[in-house]
Protein backbone atom coordinates (compact mmCIF):
# COMPACT_ATOMS: atom_id res chain seq x y z
CA MET A 1 45.99 133.44 1.18
CA ALA A 2 49.59 135.22 1.32
CA LYS A 3 51.05 133.85 -2.13
CA SER A 4 50.24 130.44 -4.18
CA LYS A 5 54.02 128.43 -5.31
CA ARG A 6 51.52 125.81 -7.31
CA SER A 7 48.06 126.17 -8.35
CA ASN A 8 47.36 123.63 -5.26
CA VAL A 9 49.74 125.04 -2.82
CA ALA A 10 49.04 128.09 -0.68
CA GLU A 11 52.04 129.44 1.14
CA ILE A 12 50.89 132.19 4.49
CA ARG A 13 52.75 133.68 7.42
CA VAL A 14 50.54 132.86 10.35
CA PRO A 15 49.25 136.60 11.45
CA TYR A 16 49.02 137.82 14.94
CA ARG A 17 45.23 138.03 14.81
CA ASP A 18 45.10 134.11 14.88
CA VAL A 19 47.06 133.33 17.80
CA ASP A 20 46.05 133.02 21.49
CA MET A 21 46.83 133.77 23.97
CA GLN A 22 49.82 131.17 24.53
CA GLY A 23 50.65 131.98 21.10
CA GLN A 24 49.38 128.66 19.41
CA MET A 25 47.27 129.37 16.26
CA PHE A 26 43.11 128.89 16.83
CA LEU A 27 41.70 125.60 15.51
CA SER A 28 39.33 127.36 13.42
CA CYS A 29 41.92 129.14 11.30
CA TYR A 30 43.60 125.60 10.25
CA ILE A 31 39.97 125.00 9.20
CA SER A 32 39.50 128.62 7.15
CA TYR A 33 43.03 128.49 5.56
CA ALA A 34 42.39 124.86 4.76
CA GLU A 35 38.74 125.52 2.98
CA ALA A 36 40.04 129.02 1.32
CA VAL A 37 43.03 126.46 -0.40
CA LEU A 38 40.40 124.05 -1.50
CA THR A 39 38.16 126.47 -3.09
CA ASN A 40 40.91 127.38 -4.99
CA PHE A 41 41.70 124.05 -5.93
CA TRP A 42 38.40 123.57 -6.65
CA SER A 43 37.86 126.41 -9.04
CA LEU A 44 40.38 124.24 -11.42
CA ARG A 45 38.01 121.69 -12.17
CA PRO A 46 36.34 121.23 -15.60
CA GLN A 47 33.15 123.20 -15.96
CA LEU A 48 30.15 121.48 -16.49
CA SER A 49 26.79 122.67 -16.97
CA ASP A 50 24.50 120.65 -15.07
CA GLU A 51 27.19 120.50 -11.81
CA PRO A 52 25.05 119.35 -8.39
CA ILE A 53 25.55 121.37 -5.90
CA TYR A 54 28.66 120.13 -3.24
CA THR A 55 28.06 120.60 0.19
CA VAL A 56 30.39 120.23 3.35
CA SER A 57 29.28 116.69 5.30
CA LYS A 58 32.17 116.62 7.89
CA ILE A 59 35.50 118.53 8.88
CA THR A 60 38.58 116.96 11.07
CA CYS A 61 41.03 118.26 12.08
CA ASN A 62 44.18 115.96 13.47
CA LEU A 63 47.06 118.44 14.67
CA HIS A 64 50.94 116.95 15.07
CA ARG A 65 52.33 120.47 16.41
CA PRO A 66 51.15 123.88 16.81
CA LEU A 67 51.24 126.60 14.36
CA HIS A 68 53.02 129.86 16.03
CA TYR A 69 52.69 133.40 14.91
CA ASP A 70 54.81 134.13 12.39
CA ASP A 71 55.61 130.69 11.25
CA ILE A 72 55.34 130.07 7.34
CA VAL A 73 53.10 127.52 6.36
CA GLU A 74 52.23 125.69 3.79
CA PHE A 75 48.84 124.47 3.15
CA THR A 76 48.59 121.34 0.52
CA PRO A 77 44.96 119.63 -0.95
CA ALA A 78 44.96 116.45 -2.41
CA VAL A 79 41.83 113.87 -2.59
CA ASP A 80 41.84 111.66 -0.48
CA LYS A 81 39.05 109.21 -1.59
CA ILE A 82 36.56 109.57 -4.37
CA GLY A 83 33.04 107.79 -3.37
CA VAL A 84 30.27 107.75 -5.86
CA ARG A 85 28.22 110.70 -4.20
CA SER A 86 31.18 112.36 -1.95
CA VAL A 87 34.67 113.21 -2.12
CA GLY A 88 36.87 112.95 0.41
CA PHE A 89 39.99 116.23 0.31
CA LEU A 90 43.32 116.14 2.79
CA ILE A 91 44.86 119.53 3.25
CA ALA A 92 48.30 118.98 4.80
CA VAL A 93 49.36 121.75 6.18
CA GLU A 94 53.46 121.84 6.91
CA VAL A 95 56.50 123.79 8.26
CA GLU A 96 59.87 123.31 7.11
CA ASP A 97 58.36 120.11 5.57
CA GLU A 98 57.48 119.36 8.94
CA ARG A 99 53.72 117.87 8.79
CA ALA A 100 51.98 120.42 11.62
CA ALA A 101 48.43 119.15 11.20
CA GLU A 102 46.00 117.76 8.22
CA VAL A 103 42.87 118.86 7.52
CA GLU A 104 40.46 116.42 6.13
CA ILE A 105 36.80 117.48 4.66
CA ILE A 106 34.40 115.75 3.08
CA TRP A 107 31.74 116.62 0.40
CA GLN A 108 28.57 115.37 -0.70
CA ALA A 109 26.91 116.00 -4.45
CA HIS A 110 23.32 117.31 -4.53
CA GLU A 111 20.91 117.62 -6.96
CA ARG A 112 20.04 121.48 -7.75
CA GLU A 113 16.41 121.18 -7.66
CA ASP A 114 15.17 118.81 -4.88
CA GLN A 115 18.90 118.85 -2.95
CA SER A 116 18.75 115.21 -3.20
CA LEU A 117 22.07 112.99 -3.02
CA THR A 118 23.79 112.44 -6.50
CA ALA A 119 26.32 110.54 -8.16
CA ILE A 120 29.36 113.34 -9.19
CA PRO A 121 29.53 113.43 -12.76
CA GLU A 122 31.99 111.16 -14.66
CA GLU A 123 34.29 114.21 -16.18
CA THR A 124 34.57 115.39 -12.65
CA ARG A 125 35.47 111.93 -11.26
CA ASP A 126 38.23 111.64 -14.09
CA TRP A 127 39.78 115.15 -12.91
CA LEU A 128 39.57 114.21 -9.18
CA TYR A 129 41.38 110.60 -9.92
CA THR A 130 44.20 112.52 -11.41
CA PHE A 131 45.10 114.10 -7.87
CA LEU A 132 44.48 111.10 -5.98
CA ASP A 133 47.00 110.55 -3.02
C-alpha cells in the first residue's frame, strides 16, 4: 500500500511488476490489494478476548475496466452484508472517480476450539453496522 487518505481508504500507484504483457494489471493483484486494505480496516474493530476465528469462504472480482501501469488507484472497503455467522465486504477499486473493479470477500466466524461455525459477537456486529454500505 502506498498511502492512506482515511483509515479505510488506501491509494496505490500500479507498479510495473503487477502488469502483464498487454499492460493490464493481473487479476490476482486486485485481490491481493483488496485483502490488504480489508486487513487494515479489520484492525480497527473492537478487540474481544473471546473473538472467533474468521476464514474466507468466497472471493470474487468483477472488472469494469482494466488497470494499467502507473494508474493511481483507490481501494475503499465497505461492509456489504452481515449475517449471523458471516460478513460480506465489498472493496471498491476506483481510478479518477471511475469504478474499475469490485472485490467481494465473505468471511465466516468459527469457534477457536473446534472450528465449528459460530455467531459473530454482538460488539463486532454493532461495529460492522456502522460501515454497512
